[in-house]
PDB file of N, CA and C in Angstrom:
ATOM      1  N   MET A   1      38.584 -59.160 116.155  1.00  0.00           N
ATOM      2  CA  MET A   1      39.545 -59.130 115.060  1.00  0.00           C
ATOM      3  C   MET A   1      38.865 -58.728 113.748  1.00  0.00           C
ATOM      4  N   THR A   2      37.630 -59.136 113.585  1.00  0.00           N
ATOM      5  CA  THR A   2      36.909 -58.811 112.354  1.00  0.00           C
ATOM      6  C   THR A   2      36.698 -57.307 112.206  1.00  0.00           C
ATOM      7  N   TRP A   3      36.482 -56.629 113.320  1.00  0.00           N
ATOM      8  CA  TRP A   3      36.257 -55.181 113.232  1.00  0.00           C
ATOM      9  C   TRP A   3      37.523 -54.453 112.802  1.00  0.00           C
ATOM     10  N   VAL A   4      38.692 -54.994 113.146  1.00  0.00           N
ATOM     11  CA  VAL A   4      39.941 -54.361 112.719  1.00  0.00           C
ATOM     12  C   VAL A   4      40.109 -54.517 111.210  1.00  0.00           C
ATOM     13  N   ILE A   5      39.780 -55.696 110.707  1.00  0.00           N
ATOM     14  CA  ILE A   5      39.850 -55.920 109.254  1.00  0.00           C
ATOM     15  C   ILE A   5      38.886 -54.983 108.541  1.00  0.00           C
ATOM     16  N   ALA A   6      37.668 -54.873 109.061  1.00  0.00           N
ATOM     17  CA  ALA A   6      36.683 -53.975 108.451  1.00  0.00           C
ATOM     18  C   ALA A   6      37.162 -52.525 108.495  1.00  0.00           C
ATOM     19  N   LEU A   7      37.783 -52.125 109.596  1.00  0.00           N
ATOM     20  CA  LEU A   7      38.305 -50.766 109.717  1.00  0.00           C
ATOM     21  C   LEU A   7      39.408 -50.504 108.692  1.00  0.00           C
ATOM     22  N   MET A   8      40.303 -51.465 108.502  1.00  0.00           N
ATOM     23  CA  MET A   8      41.383 -51.300 107.522  1.00  0.00           C
ATOM     24  C   MET A   8      40.824 -51.202 106.099  1.00  0.00           C
ATOM     25  N   VAL A   9      39.814 -52.000 105.806  1.00  0.00           N
ATOM     26  CA  VAL A   9      39.188 -51.941 104.479  1.00  0.00           C
ATOM     27  C   VAL A   9      38.510 -50.587 104.272  1.00  0.00           C
ATOM     28  N   ILE A  10      37.847 -50.081 105.298  1.00  0.00           N
ATOM     29  CA  ILE A  10      37.201 -48.767 105.198  1.00  0.00           C
ATOM     30  C   ILE A  10      38.241 -47.671 104.995  1.00  0.00           C
ATOM     31  N   ILE A  11      39.366 -47.761 105.719  1.00  0.00           N
ATOM     32  CA  ILE A  11      40.437 -46.775 105.545  1.00  0.00           C
ATOM     33  C   ILE A  11      40.990 -46.832 104.127  1.00  0.00           C
ATOM     34  N   MET A  12      41.174 -48.048 103.606  1.00  0.00           N
ATOM     35  CA  MET A  12      41.697 -48.178 102.241  1.00  0.00           C
ATOM     36  C   MET A  12      40.715 -47.624 101.211  1.00  0.00           C
ATOM     37  N   LEU A  13      39.434 -47.907 101.384  1.00  0.00           N
ATOM     38  CA  LEU A  13      38.430 -47.368 100.460  1.00  0.00           C
ATOM     39  C   LEU A  13      38.364 -45.844 100.537  1.00  0.00           C
ATOM     40  N   ALA A  14      38.400 -45.306 101.745  1.00  0.00           N
ATOM     41  CA  ALA A  14      38.368 -43.848 101.905  1.00  0.00           C
ATOM     42  C   ALA A  14      39.599 -43.205 101.274  1.00  0.00           C
ATOM     43  N   GLY A  15      40.750 -43.818 101.453  1.00  0.00           N
ATOM     44  CA  GLY A  15      41.969 -43.292 100.848  1.00  0.00           C
ATOM     45  C   GLY A  15      41.932 -43.338  99.336  1.00  0.00           C
ATOM     46  N   ALA A  16      41.421 -44.438  98.794  1.00  0.00           N
ATOM     47  CA  ALA A  16      41.338 -44.560  97.337  1.00  0.00           C
ATOM     48  C   ALA A  16      40.371 -43.536  96.749  1.00  0.00           C
ATOM     49  N   ILE A  17      39.247 -43.335  97.401  1.00  0.00           N
ATOM     50  CA  ILE A  17      38.284 -42.335  96.929  1.00  0.00           C
ATOM     51  C   ILE A  17      38.871 -40.930  97.066  1.00  0.00           C
ATOM     52  N   THR A  18      39.616 -40.701  98.135  1.00  0.00           N
ATOM     53  CA  THR A  18      40.272 -39.404  98.326  1.00  0.00           C
ATOM     54  C   THR A  18      41.249 -39.121  97.199  1.00  0.00           C
ATOM     55  N   VAL A  19      42.030 -40.127  96.820  1.00  0.00           N
ATOM     56  CA  VAL A  19      42.996 -39.953  95.724  1.00  0.00           C
ATOM     57  C   VAL A  19      42.280 -39.553  94.441  1.00  0.00           C
ATOM     58  N   LEU A  20      41.116 -40.117  94.202  1.00  0.00           N
ATOM     59  CA  LEU A  20      40.389 -39.821  92.967  1.00  0.00           C
ATOM     60  C   LEU A  20      39.845 -38.399  92.917  1.00  0.00           C
ATOM     61  N   PHE A  21      39.409 -37.873  94.054  1.00  0.00           N
ATOM     62  CA  PHE A  21      38.671 -36.617  94.022  1.00  0.00           C
ATOM     63  C   PHE A  21      39.390 -35.407  94.615  1.00  0.00           C
ATOM     64  N   VAL A  22      40.542 -35.597  95.230  1.00  0.00           N
ATOM     65  CA  VAL A  22      41.245 -34.468  95.833  1.00  0.00           C
ATOM     66  C   VAL A  22      41.973 -33.683  94.743  1.00  0.00           C
ATOM     67  N   GLU A  23      42.073 -32.380  94.932  1.00  0.00           N
ATOM     68  CA  GLU A  23      42.728 -31.540  93.926  1.00  0.00           C
ATOM     69  C   GLU A  23      44.208 -31.325  94.211  1.00  0.00           C
ATOM     70  N   SER A  24      44.618 -31.483  95.438  1.00  0.00           N
ATOM     71  CA  SER A  24      46.015 -31.272  95.812  1.00  0.00           C
ATOM     72  C   SER A  24      46.823 -32.546  95.573  1.00  0.00           C
ATOM     73  N   HIS A  25      47.946 -32.395  94.904  1.00  0.00           N
ATOM     74  CA  HIS A  25      48.799 -33.551  94.636  1.00  0.00           C
ATOM     75  C   HIS A  25      49.422 -34.087  95.919  1.00  0.00           C
ATOM     76  N   VAL A  26      49.747 -33.203  96.831  1.00  0.00           N
ATOM     77  CA  VAL A  26      50.343 -33.626  98.103  1.00  0.00           C
ATOM     78  C   VAL A  26      49.339 -34.457  98.900  1.00  0.00           C
ATOM     79  N   SER A  27      48.091 -34.052  98.891  1.00  0.00           N
ATOM     80  CA  SER A  27      47.051 -34.814  99.584  1.00  0.00           C
ATOM     81  C   SER A  27      46.851 -36.180  98.941  1.00  0.00           C
ATOM     82  N   ALA A  28      46.950 -36.236  97.636  1.00  0.00           N
ATOM     83  CA  ALA A  28      46.819 -37.518  96.943  1.00  0.00           C
ATOM     84  C   ALA A  28      47.968 -38.454  97.306  1.00  0.00           C
ATOM     85  N   ILE A  29      49.168 -37.914  97.418  1.00  0.00           N
ATOM     86  CA  ILE A  29      50.316 -38.733  97.817  1.00  0.00           C
ATOM     87  C   ILE A  29      50.129 -39.240  99.246  1.00  0.00           C
ATOM     88  N   ALA A  30      49.656 -38.377 100.132  1.00  0.00           N
ATOM     89  CA  ALA A  30      49.422 -38.783 101.522  1.00  0.00           C
ATOM     90  C   ALA A  30      48.338 -39.855 101.606  1.00  0.00           C
ATOM     91  N   ALA A  31      47.286 -39.723 100.813  1.00  0.00           N
ATOM     92  CA  ALA A  31      46.216 -40.717 100.818  1.00  0.00           C
ATOM     93  C   ALA A  31      46.708 -42.054 100.276  1.00  0.00           C
ATOM     94  N   THR A  32      47.558 -42.011  99.264  1.00  0.00           N
ATOM     95  CA  THR A  32      48.133 -43.243  98.728  1.00  0.00           C
ATOM     96  C   THR A  32      48.982 -43.940  99.783  1.00  0.00           C
ATOM     97  N   SER A  33      49.730 -43.168 100.528  1.00  0.00           N
ATOM     98  CA  SER A  33      50.545 -43.727 101.605  1.00  0.00           C
ATOM     99  C   SER A  33      49.668 -44.328 102.703  1.00  0.00           C
ATOM    100  N   ALA A  34      48.566 -43.680 103.010  1.00  0.00           N
ATOM    101  CA  ALA A  34      47.648 -44.196 104.031  1.00  0.00           C
ATOM    102  C   ALA A  34      47.027 -45.519 103.596  1.00  0.00           C
ATOM    103  N   VAL A  35      46.684 -45.625 102.324  1.00  0.00           N
ATOM    104  CA  VAL A  35      46.143 -46.881 101.798  1.00  0.00           C
ATOM    105  C   VAL A  35      47.172 -47.990 101.953  1.00  0.00           C
ATOM    106  N   SER A  36      48.405 -47.689 101.637  1.00  0.00           N
ATOM    107  CA  SER A  36      49.462 -48.684 101.742  1.00  0.00           C
ATOM    108  C   SER A  36      49.716 -49.098 103.189  1.00  0.00           C
ATOM    109  N   LEU A  37      49.684 -48.142 104.102  1.00  0.00           N
ATOM    110  CA  LEU A  37      49.865 -48.480 105.518  1.00  0.00           C
ATOM    111  C   LEU A  37      48.720 -49.345 106.042  1.00  0.00           C
ATOM    112  N   ALA A  38      47.500 -49.030 105.648  1.00  0.00           N
ATOM    113  CA  ALA A  38      46.358 -49.842 106.064  1.00  0.00           C
ATOM    114  C   ALA A  38      46.467 -51.253 105.499  1.00  0.00           C
ATOM    115  N   LEU A  39      46.938 -51.366 104.279  1.00  0.00           N
ATOM    116  CA  LEU A  39      47.133 -52.682 103.678  1.00  0.00           C
ATOM    117  C   LEU A  39      48.220 -53.458 104.418  1.00  0.00           C
ATOM    118  N   SER A  40      49.258 -52.763 104.858  1.00  0.00           N
ATOM    119  CA  SER A  40      50.315 -53.414 105.644  1.00  0.00           C
ATOM    120  C   SER A  40      49.758 -53.968 106.955  1.00  0.00           C
ATOM    121  N   VAL A  41      48.938 -53.178 107.622  1.00  0.00           N
ATOM    122  CA  VAL A  41      48.313 -53.647 108.866  1.00  0.00           C
ATOM    123  C   VAL A  41      47.417 -54.842 108.584  1.00  0.00           C
ATOM    124  N   LEU A  42      46.699 -54.805 107.485  1.00  0.00           N
ATOM    125  CA  LEU A  42      45.834 -55.922 107.112  1.00  0.00           C
ATOM    126  C   LEU A  42      46.646 -57.193 106.880  1.00  0.00           C
ATOM    127  N   PHE A  43      47.800 -57.068 106.250  1.00  0.00           N
ATOM    128  CA  PHE A  43      48.659 -58.235 106.041  1.00  0.00           C
ATOM    129  C   PHE A  43      49.191 -58.786 107.365  1.00  0.00           C
ATOM    130  N   VAL A  44      49.476 -57.914 108.322  1.00  0.00           N
ATOM    131  CA  VAL A  44      49.913 -58.383 109.642  1.00  0.00           C
ATOM    132  C   VAL A  44      48.791 -59.160 110.316  1.00  0.00           C
ATOM    133  N   ILE A  45      47.576 -58.650 110.221  1.00  0.00           N
ATOM    134  CA  ILE A  45      46.423 -59.331 110.817  1.00  0.00           C
ATOM    135  C   ILE A  45      46.207 -60.691 110.161  1.00  0.00           C
ATOM    136  N   LEU A  46      46.435 -60.766 108.863  1.00  0.00           N
ATOM    137  CA  LEU A  46      46.265 -62.024 108.133  1.00  0.00           C
ATOM    138  C   LEU A  46      47.484 -62.942 108.260  1.00  0.00           C
ATOM    139  N   GLN A  47      48.388 -62.606 109.162  1.00  0.00           N
ATOM    140  CA  GLN A  47      49.569 -63.397 109.499  1.00  0.00           C
ATOM    141  C   GLN A  47      50.505 -63.600 108.311  1.00  0.00           C
ATOM    142  N   ALA A  48      50.774 -62.505 107.625  1.00  0.00           N
ATOM    143  CA  ALA A  48      51.754 -62.497 106.541  1.00  0.00           C
ATOM    144  C   ALA A  48      52.739 -61.361 106.802  1.00  0.00           C
ATOM    145  N   PRO A  49      53.603 -61.516 107.811  1.00  0.00           N
ATOM    146  CA  PRO A  49      54.475 -60.402 108.187  1.00  0.00           C
ATOM    147  C   PRO A  49      55.500 -60.037 107.120  1.00  0.00           C
ATOM    148  N   ASP A  50      55.944 -61.018 106.335  1.00  0.00           N
ATOM    149  CA  ASP A  50      56.912 -60.707 105.283  1.00  0.00           C
ATOM    150  C   ASP A  50      56.292 -59.827 104.206  1.00  0.00           C
ATOM    151  N   VAL A  51      55.075 -60.135 103.835  1.00  0.00           N
ATOM    152  CA  VAL A  51      54.365 -59.328 102.841  1.00  0.00           C
ATOM    153  C   VAL A  51      54.045 -57.951 103.421  1.00  0.00           C
ATOM    154  N   ALA A  52      53.705 -57.913 104.707  1.00  0.00           N
ATOM    155  CA  ALA A  52      53.401 -56.639 105.363  1.00  0.00           C
ATOM    156  C   ALA A  52      54.618 -55.727 105.387  1.00  0.00           C
ATOM    157  N   MET A  53      55.783 -56.302 105.698  1.00  0.00           N
ATOM    158  CA  MET A  53      57.001 -55.481 105.713  1.00  0.00           C
ATOM    159  C   MET A  53      57.339 -54.968 104.323  1.00  0.00           C
ATOM    160  N   THR A  54      57.191 -55.827 103.330  1.00  0.00           N
ATOM    161  CA  THR A  54      57.476 -55.410 101.960  1.00  0.00           C
ATOM    162  C   THR A  54      56.527 -54.303 101.521  1.00  0.00           C
ATOM    163  N   GLU A  55      55.254 -54.451 101.834  1.00  0.00           N
ATOM    164  CA  GLU A  55      54.267 -53.427 101.481  1.00  0.00           C
ATOM    165  C   GLU A  55      54.553 -52.113 102.199  1.00  0.00           C
ATOM    166  N   ALA A  56      54.941 -52.204 103.451  1.00  0.00           N
ATOM    167  CA  ALA A  56      55.230 -50.985 104.208  1.00  0.00           C
ATOM    168  C   ALA A  56      56.442 -50.260 103.641  1.00  0.00           C
ATOM    169  N   VAL A  57      57.478 -51.016 103.321  1.00  0.00           N
ATOM    170  CA  VAL A  57      58.706 -50.385 102.821  1.00  0.00           C
ATOM    171  C   VAL A  57      58.514 -49.854 101.412  1.00  0.00           C
ATOM    172  N   VAL A  58      57.992 -50.693 100.532  1.00  0.00           N
ATOM    173  CA  VAL A  58      57.860 -50.296  99.128  1.00  0.00           C
ATOM    174  C   VAL A  58      56.649 -49.393  98.926  1.00  0.00           C
ATOM    175  N   GLY A  59      55.500 -49.808  99.419  1.00  0.00           N
ATOM    176  CA  GLY A  59      54.271 -49.061  99.191  1.00  0.00           C
ATOM    177  C   GLY A  59      54.227 -47.734  99.910  1.00  0.00           C
ATOM    178  N   SER A  60      54.512 -47.761 101.195  1.00  0.00           N
ATOM    179  CA  SER A  60      54.437 -46.518 101.971  1.00  0.00           C
ATOM    180  C   SER A  60      55.698 -45.686 101.858  1.00  0.00           C
ATOM    181  N   GLY A  61      56.826 -46.336 101.980  1.00  0.00           N
ATOM    182  CA  GLY A  61      58.077 -45.590 102.001  1.00  0.00           C
ATOM    183  C   GLY A  61      58.574 -45.170 100.642  1.00  0.00           C
ATOM    184  N   LEU A  62      58.966 -46.139  99.847  1.00  0.00           N
ATOM    185  CA  LEU A  62      59.627 -45.851  98.578  1.00  0.00           C
ATOM    186  C   LEU A  62      58.701 -45.139  97.592  1.00  0.00           C
ATOM    187  N   SER A  63      57.482 -45.618  97.463  1.00  0.00           N
ATOM    188  CA  SER A  63      56.549 -44.984  96.519  1.00  0.00           C
ATOM    189  C   SER A  63      56.245 -43.539  96.910  1.00  0.00           C
ATOM    190  N   THR A  64      56.082 -43.301  98.200  1.00  0.00           N
ATOM    191  CA  THR A  64      55.805 -41.945  98.659  1.00  0.00           C
ATOM    192  C   THR A  64      56.973 -41.015  98.369  1.00  0.00           C
ATOM    193  N   VAL A  65      58.181 -41.498  98.605  1.00  0.00           N
ATOM    194  CA  VAL A  65      59.367 -40.683  98.335  1.00  0.00           C
ATOM    195  C   VAL A  65      59.494 -40.402  96.842  1.00  0.00           C
ATOM    196  N   ILE A  66      59.289 -41.424  96.011  1.00  0.00           N
ATOM    197  CA  ILE A  66      59.403 -41.238  94.557  1.00  0.00           C
ATOM    198  C   ILE A  66      58.343 -40.263  94.052  1.00  0.00           C
ATOM    199  N   LEU A  67      57.107 -40.406  94.520  1.00  0.00           N
ATOM    200  CA  LEU A  67      56.046 -39.489  94.096  1.00  0.00           C
ATOM    201  C   LEU A  67      56.319 -38.063  94.566  1.00  0.00           C
ATOM    202  N   ALA A  68      56.819 -37.909  95.784  1.00  0.00           N
ATOM    203  CA  ALA A  68      57.129 -36.569  96.294  1.00  0.00           C
ATOM    204  C   ALA A  68      58.265 -35.930  95.501  1.00  0.00           C
ATOM    205  N   LEU A  69      59.294 -36.709  95.178  1.00  0.00           N
ATOM    206  CA  LEU A  69      60.392 -36.176  94.366  1.00  0.00           C
ATOM    207  C   LEU A  69      59.921 -35.802  92.965  1.00  0.00           C
ATOM    208  N   ALA A  70      59.057 -36.625  92.386  1.00  0.00           N
ATOM    209  CA  ALA A  70      58.523 -36.309  91.059  1.00  0.00           C
ATOM    210  C   ALA A  70      57.698 -35.029  91.099  1.00  0.00           C
ATOM    211  N   LEU A  71      56.891 -34.865  92.134  1.00  0.00           N
ATOM    212  CA  LEU A  71      56.098 -33.644  92.279  1.00  0.00           C
ATOM    213  C   LEU A  71      56.999 -32.427  92.445  1.00  0.00           C
ATOM    214  N   PHE A  72      58.073 -32.566  93.208  1.00  0.00           N
ATOM    215  CA  PHE A  72      59.027 -31.479  93.385  1.00  0.00           C
ATOM    216  C   PHE A  72      59.668 -31.101  92.054  1.00  0.00           C
ATOM    217  N   ARG A  73      60.060 -32.108  91.277  1.00  0.00           N
ATOM    218  CA  ARG A  73      60.697 -31.831  89.984  1.00  0.00           C
ATOM    219  C   ARG A  73      59.716 -31.183  89.011  1.00  0.00           C
ATOM    220  N   ILE A  74      58.475 -31.632  89.024  1.00  0.00           N
ATOM    221  CA  ILE A  74      57.466 -31.044  88.135  1.00  0.00           C
ATOM    222  C   ILE A  74      57.251 -29.577  88.499  1.00  0.00           C
ATOM    223  N   ASN A  75      57.100 -29.290  89.792  1.00  0.00           N
ATOM    224  CA  ASN A  75      56.903 -27.900  90.226  1.00  0.00           C
ATOM    225  C   ASN A  75      58.115 -27.046  89.904  1.00  0.00           C
ATOM    226  N   LYS A  76      59.302 -27.608  90.053  1.00  0.00           N
ATOM    227  CA  LYS A  76      60.531 -26.879  89.759  1.00  0.00           C
ATOM    228  C   LYS A  76      60.614 -26.548  88.269  1.00  0.00           C
ATOM    229  N   ASN A  77      60.335 -27.524  87.413  1.00  0.00           N
ATOM    230  CA  ASN A  77      60.370 -27.294  85.967  1.00  0.00           C
ATOM    231  C   ASN A  77      59.248 -26.373  85.515  1.00  0.00           C
ATOM    232  N   HIS A  78      58.095 -26.474  86.150  1.00  0.00           N
ATOM    233  CA  HIS A  78      56.970 -25.610  85.800  1.00  0.00           C
ATOM    234  C   HIS A  78      57.305 -24.155  86.116  1.00  0.00           C
ATOM    235  N   GLY A  79      57.992 -23.931  87.226  1.00  0.00           N
ATOM    236  CA  GLY A  79      58.403 -22.575  87.590  1.00  0.00           C
ATOM    237  C   GLY A  79      59.392 -21.998  86.598  1.00  0.00           C
ATOM    238  N   LYS A  80      60.310 -22.835  86.104  1.00  0.00           N
ATOM    239  CA  LYS A  80      61.275 -22.379  85.099  1.00  0.00           C
ATOM    240  C   LYS A  80      60.568 -21.996  83.802  1.00  0.00           C
ATOM    241  N   GLN A  81      59.607 -22.811  83.386  1.00  0.00           N
ATOM    242  CA  GLN A  81      58.890 -22.532  82.140  1.00  0.00           C
ATOM    243  C   GLN A  81      58.105 -21.235  82.245  1.00  0.00           C
ATOM    244  N   GLN A  82      57.492 -20.992  83.394  1.00  0.00           N
ATOM    245  CA  GLN A  82      56.730 -19.755  83.556  1.00  0.00           C
ATOM    246  C   GLN A  82      57.641 -18.539  83.535  1.00  0.00           C
ATOM    247  N   SER A  83      58.812 -18.643  84.157  1.00  0.00           N
ATOM    248  CA  SER A  83      59.723 -17.494  84.154  1.00  0.00           C
ATOM    249  C   SER A  83      60.289 -17.255  82.759  1.00  0.00           C
ATOM    250  N   GLU A  84      60.503 -18.315  81.976  1.00  0.00           N
ATOM    251  CA  GLU A  84      60.978 -18.152  80.602  1.00  0.00           C
ATOM    252  C   GLU A  84      59.907 -17.505  79.733  1.00  0.00           C
ATOM    253  N   GLN A  85      58.643 -17.863  79.961  1.00  0.00           N
ATOM    254  CA  GLN A  85      57.559 -17.264  79.188  1.00  0.00           C
ATOM    255  C   GLN A  85      57.387 -15.795  79.552  1.00  0.00           C
ATOM    256  N   ASN A  86      57.585 -15.456  80.810  1.00  0.00           N
ATOM    257  CA  ASN A  86      57.468 -14.058  81.232  1.00  0.00           C
ATOM    258  C   ASN A  86      58.604 -13.215  80.670  1.00  0.00           C
ATOM    259  N   ASP A  87      59.791 -13.811  80.510  1.00  0.00           N
ATOM    260  CA  ASP A  87      60.934 -13.089  79.955  1.00  0.00           C
ATOM    261  C   ASP A  87      60.781 -12.852  78.459  1.00  0.00           C
ATOM    262  N   ALA A  88      60.063 -13.730  77.775  1.00  0.00           N
ATOM    263  CA  ALA A  88      59.956 -13.632  76.313  1.00  0.00           C
ATOM    264  C   ALA A  88      59.000 -12.576  75.853  1.00  0.00           C
TER     265      ALA A  88
END
């Protein structure tokens, strides 16, 4: 059981470091989701299923969707600004 906890901690550390140094926003969102999923598994191992479910739904699901939608809106608005600058 200890090796599973150590593995989850290593996955979370790797994901956090990936978020800091990756250049792609999509990769950063995926790494954030992976950290949250590993934390959910860790909560299950620590016998806190209610906290694990909340972390999985909010951390992995909702946060990932919100970040992806924000990235989509930023790219959409950035494209409009570039086309307006090219027209001017």
